[in-house]
PDB file of all heavy atoms in Angstrom:
ATOM      1  N   SER A   1      13.045   2.210 -22.042  1.00  0.00           N
ATOM      2  CA  SER A   1      14.459   2.469 -22.316  1.00  0.00           C
ATOM      3  C   SER A   1      14.919   3.745 -21.620  1.00  0.00           C
ATOM      4  O   SER A   1      14.116   4.660 -21.379  1.00  0.00           O
ATOM      5  CB  SER A   1      14.696   2.628 -23.821  1.00  0.00           C
ATOM      6  OG  SER A   1      14.369   1.456 -24.521  1.00  0.00           O
ATOM      7  N   LEU A   2      16.195   3.764 -21.332  1.00  0.00           N
ATOM      8  CA  LEU A   2      16.869   4.956 -20.833  1.00  0.00           C
ATOM      9  C   LEU A   2      18.270   4.987 -21.423  1.00  0.00           C
ATOM     10  O   LEU A   2      18.833   3.925 -21.714  1.00  0.00           O
ATOM     11  CB  LEU A   2      16.978   4.948 -19.303  1.00  0.00           C
ATOM     12  CG  LEU A   2      15.751   5.263 -18.453  1.00  0.00           C
ATOM     13  CD1 LEU A   2      16.078   5.048 -16.983  1.00  0.00           C
ATOM     14  CD2 LEU A   2      15.260   6.678 -18.697  1.00  0.00           C
ATOM     15  N   ARG A   3      18.822   6.189 -21.543  1.00  0.00           N
ATOM     16  CA  ARG A   3      20.223   6.314 -21.929  1.00  0.00           C
ATOM     17  C   ARG A   3      20.953   7.105 -20.850  1.00  0.00           C
ATOM     18  O   ARG A   3      20.619   8.266 -20.593  1.00  0.00           O
ATOM     19  CB  ARG A   3      20.393   6.994 -23.279  1.00  0.00           C
ATOM     20  CG  ARG A   3      21.857   6.937 -23.753  1.00  0.00           C
ATOM     21  CD  ARG A   3      22.061   7.532 -25.132  1.00  0.00           C
ATOM     22  NE  ARG A   3      22.120   8.989 -25.100  1.00  0.00           N
ATOM     23  CZ  ARG A   3      22.710   9.723 -26.044  1.00  0.00           C
ATOM     24  NH1 ARG A   3      23.299   9.131 -27.067  1.00  0.00           N
ATOM     25  NH2 ARG A   3      22.702  11.029 -25.962  1.00  0.00           N
ATOM     26  N   LEU A   4      21.918   6.464 -20.251  1.00  0.00           N
ATOM     27  CA  LEU A   4      22.749   7.121 -19.258  1.00  0.00           C
ATOM     28  C   LEU A   4      23.974   7.721 -19.923  1.00  0.00           C
ATOM     29  O   LEU A   4      24.499   7.170 -20.888  1.00  0.00           O
ATOM     30  CB  LEU A   4      23.194   6.138 -18.177  1.00  0.00           C
ATOM     31  CG  LEU A   4      22.096   5.369 -17.445  1.00  0.00           C
ATOM     32  CD1 LEU A   4      22.711   4.508 -16.347  1.00  0.00           C
ATOM     33  CD2 LEU A   4      21.048   6.292 -16.888  1.00  0.00           C
ATOM     34  N   SER A   5      24.422   8.847 -19.377  1.00  0.00           N
ATOM     35  CA  SER A   5      25.641   9.490 -19.852  1.00  0.00           C
ATOM     36  C   SER A   5      26.621   9.624 -18.697  1.00  0.00           C
ATOM     37  O   SER A   5      26.225   9.853 -17.556  1.00  0.00           O
ATOM     38  CB  SER A   5      25.340  10.874 -20.424  1.00  0.00           C
ATOM     39  OG  SER A   5      24.476  10.804 -21.531  1.00  0.00           O
ATOM     40  N   CYS A   6      27.885   9.504 -19.024  1.00  0.00           N
ATOM     41  CA  CYS A   6      28.960   9.710 -18.053  1.00  0.00           C
ATOM     42  C   CYS A   6      29.929  10.690 -18.691  1.00  0.00           C
ATOM     43  O   CYS A   6      30.612  10.336 -19.664  1.00  0.00           O
ATOM     44  CB  CYS A   6      29.645   8.392 -17.737  1.00  0.00           C
ATOM     45  SG  CYS A   6      31.148   8.541 -16.735  1.00  0.00           S
ATOM     46  N   THR A   7      29.958  11.899 -18.163  1.00  0.00           N
ATOM     47  CA  THR A   7      30.819  12.935 -18.723  1.00  0.00           C
ATOM     48  C   THR A   7      32.021  13.139 -17.812  1.00  0.00           C
ATOM     49  O   THR A   7      31.872  13.342 -16.601  1.00  0.00           O
ATOM     50  CB  THR A   7      30.052  14.238 -18.888  1.00  0.00           C
ATOM     51  OG1 THR A   7      28.936  14.005 -19.766  1.00  0.00           O
ATOM     52  CG2 THR A   7      30.937  15.311 -19.506  1.00  0.00           C
ATOM     53  N   ALA A   8      33.191  13.087 -18.428  1.00  0.00           N
ATOM     54  CA  ALA A   8      34.433  13.179 -17.673  1.00  0.00           C
ATOM     55  C   ALA A   8      35.083  14.543 -17.856  1.00  0.00           C
ATOM     56  O   ALA A   8      34.983  15.150 -18.924  1.00  0.00           O
ATOM     57  CB  ALA A   8      35.392  12.086 -18.128  1.00  0.00           C
ATOM     58  N   SER A   9      35.745  14.984 -16.827  1.00  0.00           N
ATOM     59  CA  SER A   9      36.542  16.204 -16.912  1.00  0.00           C
ATOM     60  C   SER A   9      37.809  16.016 -16.095  1.00  0.00           C
ATOM     61  O   SER A   9      37.870  15.168 -15.206  1.00  0.00           O
ATOM     62  CB  SER A   9      35.746  17.412 -16.404  1.00  0.00           C
ATOM     63  OG  SER A   9      35.385  17.241 -15.050  1.00  0.00           O
ATOM     64  N   GLY A  10      38.815  16.794 -16.444  1.00  0.00           N
ATOM     65  CA  GLY A  10      40.067  16.717 -15.704  1.00  0.00           C
ATOM     66  C   GLY A  10      41.047  15.709 -16.272  1.00  0.00           C
ATOM     67  O   GLY A  10      42.161  15.577 -15.753  1.00  0.00           O
ATOM     68  N   PHE A  11      40.658  14.982 -17.296  1.00  0.00           N
ATOM     69  CA  PHE A  11      41.586  14.075 -17.957  1.00  0.00           C
ATOM     70  C   PHE A  11      41.121  13.851 -19.393  1.00  0.00           C
ATOM     71  O   PHE A  11      39.980  14.128 -19.744  1.00  0.00           O
ATOM     72  CB  PHE A  11      41.716  12.740 -17.211  1.00  0.00           C
ATOM     73  CG  PHE A  11      40.447  11.926 -17.150  1.00  0.00           C
ATOM     74  CD1 PHE A  11      40.100  11.044 -18.154  1.00  0.00           C
ATOM     75  CD2 PHE A  11      39.604  12.044 -16.044  1.00  0.00           C
ATOM     76  CE1 PHE A  11      38.944  10.294 -18.078  1.00  0.00           C
ATOM     77  CE2 PHE A  11      38.450  11.285 -15.959  1.00  0.00           C
ATOM     78  CZ  PHE A  11      38.108  10.413 -16.980  1.00  0.00           C
ATOM     79  N   THR A  12      42.023  13.331 -20.195  1.00  0.00           N
ATOM     80  CA  THR A  12      41.711  13.057 -21.597  1.00  0.00           C
ATOM     81  C   THR A  12      41.137  11.654 -21.711  1.00  0.00           C
ATOM     82  O   THR A  12      41.807  10.671 -21.409  1.00  0.00           O
ATOM     83  CB  THR A  12      42.967  13.168 -22.468  1.00  0.00           C
ATOM     84  OG1 THR A  12      43.533  14.453 -22.299  1.00  0.00           O
ATOM     85  CG2 THR A  12      42.615  12.952 -23.934  1.00  0.00           C
ATOM     86  N   ALA A  13      39.897  11.579 -22.155  1.00  0.00           N
ATOM     87  CA  ALA A  13      39.182  10.305 -22.162  1.00  0.00           C
ATOM     88  C   ALA A  13      39.865   9.237 -23.010  1.00  0.00           C
ATOM     89  O   ALA A  13      39.727   8.045 -22.742  1.00  0.00           O
ATOM     90  CB  ALA A  13      37.756  10.506 -22.646  1.00  0.00           C
ATOM     91  N   ASP A  14      40.608   9.653 -24.019  1.00  0.00           N
ATOM     92  CA  ASP A  14      41.254   8.686 -24.920  1.00  0.00           C
ATOM     93  C   ASP A  14      42.118   7.672 -24.178  1.00  0.00           C
ATOM     94  O   ASP A  14      42.365   6.584 -24.676  1.00  0.00           O
ATOM     95  CB  ASP A  14      42.159   9.414 -25.910  1.00  0.00           C
ATOM     96  CG  ASP A  14      41.443  10.493 -26.694  1.00  0.00           C
ATOM     97  OD1 ASP A  14      40.766  11.303 -26.057  1.00  0.00           O
ATOM     98  OD2 ASP A  14      41.577  10.505 -27.921  1.00  0.00           O
ATOM     99  N   TYR A  15      42.630   8.025 -23.016  1.00  0.00           N
ATOM    100  CA  TYR A  15      43.559   7.151 -22.307  1.00  0.00           C
ATOM    101  C   TYR A  15      42.896   6.412 -21.143  1.00  0.00           C
ATOM    102  O   TYR A  15      43.579   5.768 -20.360  1.00  0.00           O
ATOM    103  CB  TYR A  15      44.741   7.959 -21.784  1.00  0.00           C
ATOM    104  CG  TYR A  15      45.619   8.491 -22.889  1.00  0.00           C
ATOM    105  CD1 TYR A  15      45.441   9.773 -23.390  1.00  0.00           C
ATOM    106  CD2 TYR A  15      46.608   7.695 -23.453  1.00  0.00           C
ATOM    107  CE1 TYR A  15      46.219  10.251 -24.420  1.00  0.00           C
ATOM    108  CE2 TYR A  15      47.400   8.162 -24.483  1.00  0.00           C
ATOM    109  CZ  TYR A  15      47.205   9.445 -24.966  1.00  0.00           C
ATOM    110  OH  TYR A  15      47.980   9.912 -25.986  1.00  0.00           O
ATOM    111  N   TYR A  16      41.589   6.464 -21.056  1.00  0.00           N
ATOM    112  CA  TYR A  16      40.929   5.892 -19.898  1.00  0.00           C
ATOM    113  C   TYR A  16      39.888   4.861 -20.279  1.00  0.00           C
ATOM    114  O   TYR A  16      39.132   5.031 -21.228  1.00  0.00           O
ATOM    115  CB  TYR A  16      40.282   6.994 -19.058  1.00  0.00           C
ATOM    116  CG  TYR A  16      41.289   7.722 -18.218  1.00  0.00           C
ATOM    117  CD1 TYR A  16      42.117   8.686 -18.773  1.00  0.00           C
ATOM    118  CD2 TYR A  16      41.444   7.411 -16.866  1.00  0.00           C
ATOM    119  CE1 TYR A  16      43.069   9.327 -18.010  1.00  0.00           C
ATOM    120  CE2 TYR A  16      42.386   8.058 -16.093  1.00  0.00           C
ATOM    121  CZ  TYR A  16      43.199   9.015 -16.678  1.00  0.00           C
ATOM    122  OH  TYR A  16      44.133   9.635 -15.916  1.00  0.00           O
ATOM    123  N   ILE A  17      39.869   3.805 -19.503  1.00  0.00           N
ATOM    124  CA  ILE A  17      38.837   2.791 -19.583  1.00  0.00           C
ATOM    125  C   ILE A  17      37.678   3.254 -18.700  1.00  0.00           C
ATOM    126  O   ILE A  17      37.890   3.768 -17.606  1.00  0.00           O
ATOM    127  CB  ILE A  17      39.370   1.442 -19.059  1.00  0.00           C
ATOM    128  CG1 ILE A  17      40.540   0.958 -19.910  1.00  0.00           C
ATOM    129  CG2 ILE A  17      38.262   0.405 -19.002  1.00  0.00           C
ATOM    130  CD1 ILE A  17      41.306  -0.198 -19.290  1.00  0.00           C
ATOM    131  N   ILE A  18      36.456   3.043 -19.165  1.00  0.00           N
ATOM    132  CA  ILE A  18      35.259   3.434 -18.416  1.00  0.00           C
ATOM    133  C   ILE A  18      34.399   2.206 -18.136  1.00  0.00           C
ATOM    134  O   ILE A  18      34.181   1.383 -19.032  1.00  0.00           O
ATOM    135  CB  ILE A  18      34.423   4.470 -19.177  1.00  0.00           C
ATOM    136  CG1 ILE A  18      35.266   5.700 -19.535  1.00  0.00           C
ATOM    137  CG2 ILE A  18      33.192   4.866 -18.359  1.00  0.00           C
ATOM    138  CD1 ILE A  18      35.717   6.527 -18.358  1.00  0.00           C
ATOM    139  N   GLY A  19      33.930   2.123 -16.930  1.00  0.00           N
ATOM    140  CA  GLY A  19      33.014   1.048 -16.554  1.00  0.00           C
ATOM    141  C   GLY A  19      31.713   1.601 -16.002  1.00  0.00           C
ATOM    142  O   GLY A  19      31.679   2.696 -15.434  1.00  0.00           O
ATOM    143  N   TRP A  20      30.652   0.837 -16.185  1.00  0.00           N
ATOM    144  CA  TRP A  20      29.362   1.153 -15.566  1.00  0.00           C
ATOM    145  C   TRP A  20      29.075   0.089 -14.503  1.00  0.00           C
ATOM    146  O   TRP A  20      29.202  -1.116 -14.774  1.00  0.00           O
ATOM    147  CB  TRP A  20      28.232   1.157 -16.587  1.00  0.00           C
ATOM    148  CG  TRP A  20      28.127   2.421 -17.372  1.00  0.00           C
ATOM    149  CD1 TRP A  20      28.561   2.634 -18.650  1.00  0.00           C
ATOM    150  CD2 TRP A  20      27.518   3.638 -16.957  1.00  0.00           C
ATOM    151  NE1 TRP A  20      28.287   3.914 -19.046  1.00  0.00           N
ATOM    152  CE2 TRP A  20      27.639   4.562 -18.032  1.00  0.00           C
ATOM    153  CE3 TRP A  20      26.898   4.076 -15.786  1.00  0.00           C
ATOM    154  CZ2 TRP A  20      27.158   5.863 -17.961  1.00  0.00           C
ATOM    155  CZ3 TRP A  20      26.415   5.361 -15.711  1.00  0.00           C
ATOM    156  CH2 TRP A  20      26.549   6.248 -16.787  1.00  0.00           C
ATOM    157  N   PHE A  21      28.653   0.560 -13.350  1.00  0.00           N
ATOM    158  CA  PHE A  21      28.349  -0.325 -12.238  1.00  0.00           C
ATOM    159  C   PHE A  21      26.929  -0.045 -11.744  1.00  0.00           C
ATOM    160  O   PHE A  21      26.404   1.054 -11.925  1.00  0.00           O
ATOM    161  CB  PHE A  21      29.342  -0.098 -11.100  1.00  0.00           C
ATOM    162  CG  PHE A  21      30.745  -0.530 -11.449  1.00  0.00           C
ATOM    163  CD1 PHE A  21      31.540   0.246 -12.275  1.00  0.00           C
ATOM    164  CD2 PHE A  21      31.258  -1.718 -10.970  1.00  0.00           C
ATOM    165  CE1 PHE A  21      32.826  -0.152 -12.626  1.00  0.00           C
ATOM    166  CE2 PHE A  21      32.533  -2.135 -11.299  1.00  0.00           C
ATOM    167  CZ  PHE A  21      33.315  -1.341 -12.138  1.00  0.00           C
ATOM    168  N   ARG A  22      26.371  -1.046 -11.123  1.00  0.00           N
ATOM    169  CA  ARG A  22      25.007  -0.910 -10.609  1.00  0.00           C
ATOM    170  C   ARG A  22      24.974  -1.436  -9.171  1.00  0.00           C
ATOM    171  O   ARG A  22      25.535  -2.488  -8.867  1.00  0.00           O
ATOM    172  CB  ARG A  22      24.034  -1.704 -11.479  1.00  0.00           C
ATOM    173  CG  ARG A  22      22.617  -1.772 -10.976  1.00  0.00           C
ATOM    174  CD  ARG A  22      21.730  -2.430 -12.008  1.00  0.00           C
ATOM    175  NE  ARG A  22      21.976  -3.853 -12.128  1.00  0.00           N
ATOM    176  CZ  ARG A  22      21.553  -4.587 -13.176  1.00  0.00           C
ATOM    177  NH1 ARG A  22      20.898  -3.993 -14.154  1.00  0.00           N
ATOM    178  NH2 ARG A  22      21.779  -5.873 -13.221  1.00  0.00           N
ATOM    179  N   GLN A  23      24.270  -0.690  -8.328  1.00  0.00           N
ATOM    180  CA  GLN A  23      24.077  -1.155  -6.958  1.00  0.00           C
ATOM    181  C   GLN A  23      22.597  -1.146  -6.629  1.00  0.00           C
ATOM    182  O   GLN A  23      21.983  -0.077  -6.521  1.00  0.00           O
ATOM    183  CB  GLN A  23      24.847  -0.287  -5.956  1.00  0.00           C
ATOM    184  CG  GLN A  23      24.839  -0.854  -4.556  1.00  0.00           C
ATOM    185  CD  GLN A  23      25.925  -0.267  -3.695  1.00  0.00           C
ATOM    186  OE1 GLN A  23      26.490   0.790  -3.980  1.00  0.00           O
ATOM    187  NE2 GLN A  23      26.264  -0.957  -2.608  1.00  0.00           N
ATOM    188  N   ALA A  24      22.048  -2.332  -6.482  1.00  0.00           N
ATOM    189  CA  ALA A  24      20.644  -2.473  -6.107  1.00  0.00           C
ATOM    190  C   ALA A  24      20.535  -2.399  -4.588  1.00  0.00           C
ATOM    191  O   ALA A  24      21.515  -2.672  -3.872  1.00  0.00           O
ATOM    192  CB  ALA A  24      20.107  -3.802  -6.621  1.00  0.00           C
ATOM    193  N   PRO A  25      19.355  -2.053  -4.077  1.00  0.00           N
ATOM    194  CA  PRO A  25      19.184  -1.967  -2.629  1.00  0.00           C
ATOM    195  C   PRO A  25      19.567  -3.262  -1.924  1.00  0.00           C
ATOM    196  O   PRO A  25      19.113  -4.342  -2.305  1.00  0.00           O
ATOM    197  CB  PRO A  25      17.682  -1.676  -2.479  1.00  0.00           C
ATOM    198  CG  PRO A  25      17.301  -1.019  -3.749  1.00  0.00           C
ATOM    199  CD  PRO A  25      18.151  -1.654  -4.808  1.00  0.00           C
ATOM    200  N   GLY A  26      20.428  -3.153  -0.940  1.00  0.00           N
ATOM    201  CA  GLY A  26      20.831  -4.318  -0.175  1.00  0.00           C
ATOM    202  C   GLY A  26      21.825  -5.233  -0.855  1.00  0.00           C
ATOM    203  O   GLY A  26      22.135  -6.309  -0.320  1.00  0.00           O
ATOM    204  N   LYS A  27      22.328  -4.821  -2.014  1.00  0.00           N
ATOM    205  CA  LYS A  27      23.260  -5.683  -2.753  1.00  0.00           C
ATOM    206  C   LYS A  27      24.578  -4.963  -2.975  1.00  0.00           C
ATOM    207  O   LYS A  27      24.679  -3.744  -2.850  1.00  0.00           O
ATOM    208  CB  LYS A  27      22.651  -6.102  -4.087  1.00  0.00           C
ATOM    209  CG  LYS A  27      21.425  -6.993  -3.950  1.00  0.00           C
ATOM    210  CD  LYS A  27      20.999  -7.547  -5.286  1.00  0.00           C
ATOM    211  CE  LYS A  27      19.826  -8.491  -5.134  1.00  0.00           C
ATOM    212  NZ  LYS A  27      19.396  -9.060  -6.442  1.00  0.00           N
ATOM    213  N   GLU A  28      25.586  -5.741  -3.330  1.00  0.00           N
ATOM    214  CA  GLU A  28      26.888  -5.150  -3.618  1.00  0.00           C
ATOM    215  C   GLU A  28      26.881  -4.496  -5.004  1.00  0.00           C
ATOM    216  O   GLU A  28      26.087  -4.857  -5.869  1.00  0.00           O
ATOM    217  CB  GLU A  28      27.970  -6.232  -3.573  1.00  0.00           C
ATOM    218  CG  GLU A  28      28.230  -6.777  -2.183  1.00  0.00           C
ATOM    219  CD  GLU A  28      29.459  -7.642  -2.126  1.00  0.00           C
ATOM    220  OE1 GLU A  28      30.074  -7.884  -3.183  1.00  0.00           O
ATOM    221  OE2 GLU A  28      29.814  -8.086  -1.021  1.00  0.00           O
ATOM    222  N   ARG A  29      27.794  -3.569  -5.160  1.00  0.00           N
ATOM    223  CA  ARG A  29      27.940  -2.912  -6.450  1.00  0.00           C
ATOM    224  C   ARG A  29      28.551  -3.894  -7.445  1.00  0.00           C
ATOM    225  O   ARG A  29      29.580  -4.509  -7.168  1.00  0.00           O
ATOM    226  CB  ARG A  29      28.843  -1.686  -6.298  1.00  0.00           C
ATOM    227  CG  ARG A  29      28.795  -0.724  -7.445  1.00  0.00           C
ATOM    228  CD  ARG A  29      29.594   0.530  -7.134  1.00  0.00           C
ATOM    229  NE  ARG A  29      29.075   1.225  -5.966  1.00  0.00           N
ATOM    230  CZ  ARG A  29      29.520   2.419  -5.568  1.00  0.00           C
ATOM    231  NH1 ARG A  29      30.497   3.030  -6.238  1.00  0.00           N
ATOM    232  NH2 ARG A  29      29.018   2.990  -4.487  1.00  0.00           N
ATOM    233  N   GLU A  30      27.907  -4.038  -8.604  1.00  0.00           N
ATOM    234  CA  GLU A  30      28.371  -4.984  -9.608  1.00  0.00           C
ATOM    235  C   GLU A  30      28.707  -4.269 -10.901  1.00  0.00           C
ATOM    236  O   GLU A  30      28.061  -3.306 -11.288  1.00  0.00           O
ATOM    237  CB  GLU A  30      27.306  -6.051  -9.882  1.00  0.00           C
ATOM    238  CG  GLU A  30      26.000  -5.500 -10.433  1.00  0.00           C
ATOM    239  CD  GLU A  30      25.046  -6.580 -10.935  1.00  0.00           C
ATOM    240  OE1 GLU A  30      25.527  -7.659 -11.339  1.00  0.00           O
ATOM    241  OE2 GLU A  30      23.833  -6.320 -10.949  1.00  0.00           O
ATOM    242  N   GLY A  31      29.734  -4.770 -11.572  1.00  0.00           N
ATOM    243  CA  GLY A  31      30.107  -4.231 -12.862  1.00  0.00           C
ATOM    244  C   GLY A  31      29.208  -4.792 -13.944  1.00  0.00           C
ATOM    245  O   GLY A  31      29.122  -6.005 -14.100  1.00  0.00           O
ATOM    246  N   ILE A  32      28.523  -3.943 -14.685  1.00  0.00           N
ATOM    247  CA  ILE A  32      27.603  -4.430 -15.701  1.00  0.00           C
ATOM    248  C   ILE A  32      28.112  -4.219 -17.116  1.00  0.00           C
ATOM    249  O   ILE A  32      27.691  -4.924 -18.036  1.00  0.00           O
ATOM    250  CB  ILE A  32      26.201  -3.815 -15.538  1.00  0.00           C
ATOM    251  CG1 ILE A  32      26.269  -2.292 -15.589  1.00  0.00           C
ATOM    252  CG2 ILE A  32      25.554  -4.286 -14.246  1.00  0.00           C
ATOM    253  CD1 ILE A  32      24.900  -1.632 -15.641  1.00  0.00           C
ATOM    254  N   SER A  33      29.022  -3.265 -17.298  1.00  0.00           N
ATOM    255  CA  SER A  33      29.559  -3.050 -18.640  1.00  0.00           C
ATOM    256  C   SER A  33      30.834  -2.229 -18.551  1.00  0.00           C
ATOM    257  O   SER A  33      31.061  -1.514 -17.575  1.00  0.00           O
ATOM    258  CB  SER A  33      28.531  -2.328 -19.520  1.00  0.00           C
ATOM    259  OG  SER A  33      28.986  -2.250 -20.858  1.00  0.00           O
ATOM    260  N   CYS A  34      31.648  -2.341 -19.582  1.00  0.00           N
ATOM    261  CA  CYS A  34      32.856  -1.523 -19.655  1.00  0.00           C
ATOM    262  C   CYS A  34      33.215  -1.313 -21.114  1.00  0.00           C
ATOM    263  O   CYS A  34      32.753  -2.060 -22.002  1.00  0.00           O
ATOM    264  CB  CYS A  34      34.021  -2.157 -18.906  1.00  0.00           C
ATOM    265  SG  CYS A  34      34.592  -3.719 -19.605  1.00  0.00           S
TER     266      CYS A  34
END
């Protein structure tokens, strides 16, 4: 297991949608969660 963190600055997080994307070697970046 791992836990990734995404810390935002410069805006108020309450008004923003966040997505996680993954890019494997040789592949396109894909959206895995939001």
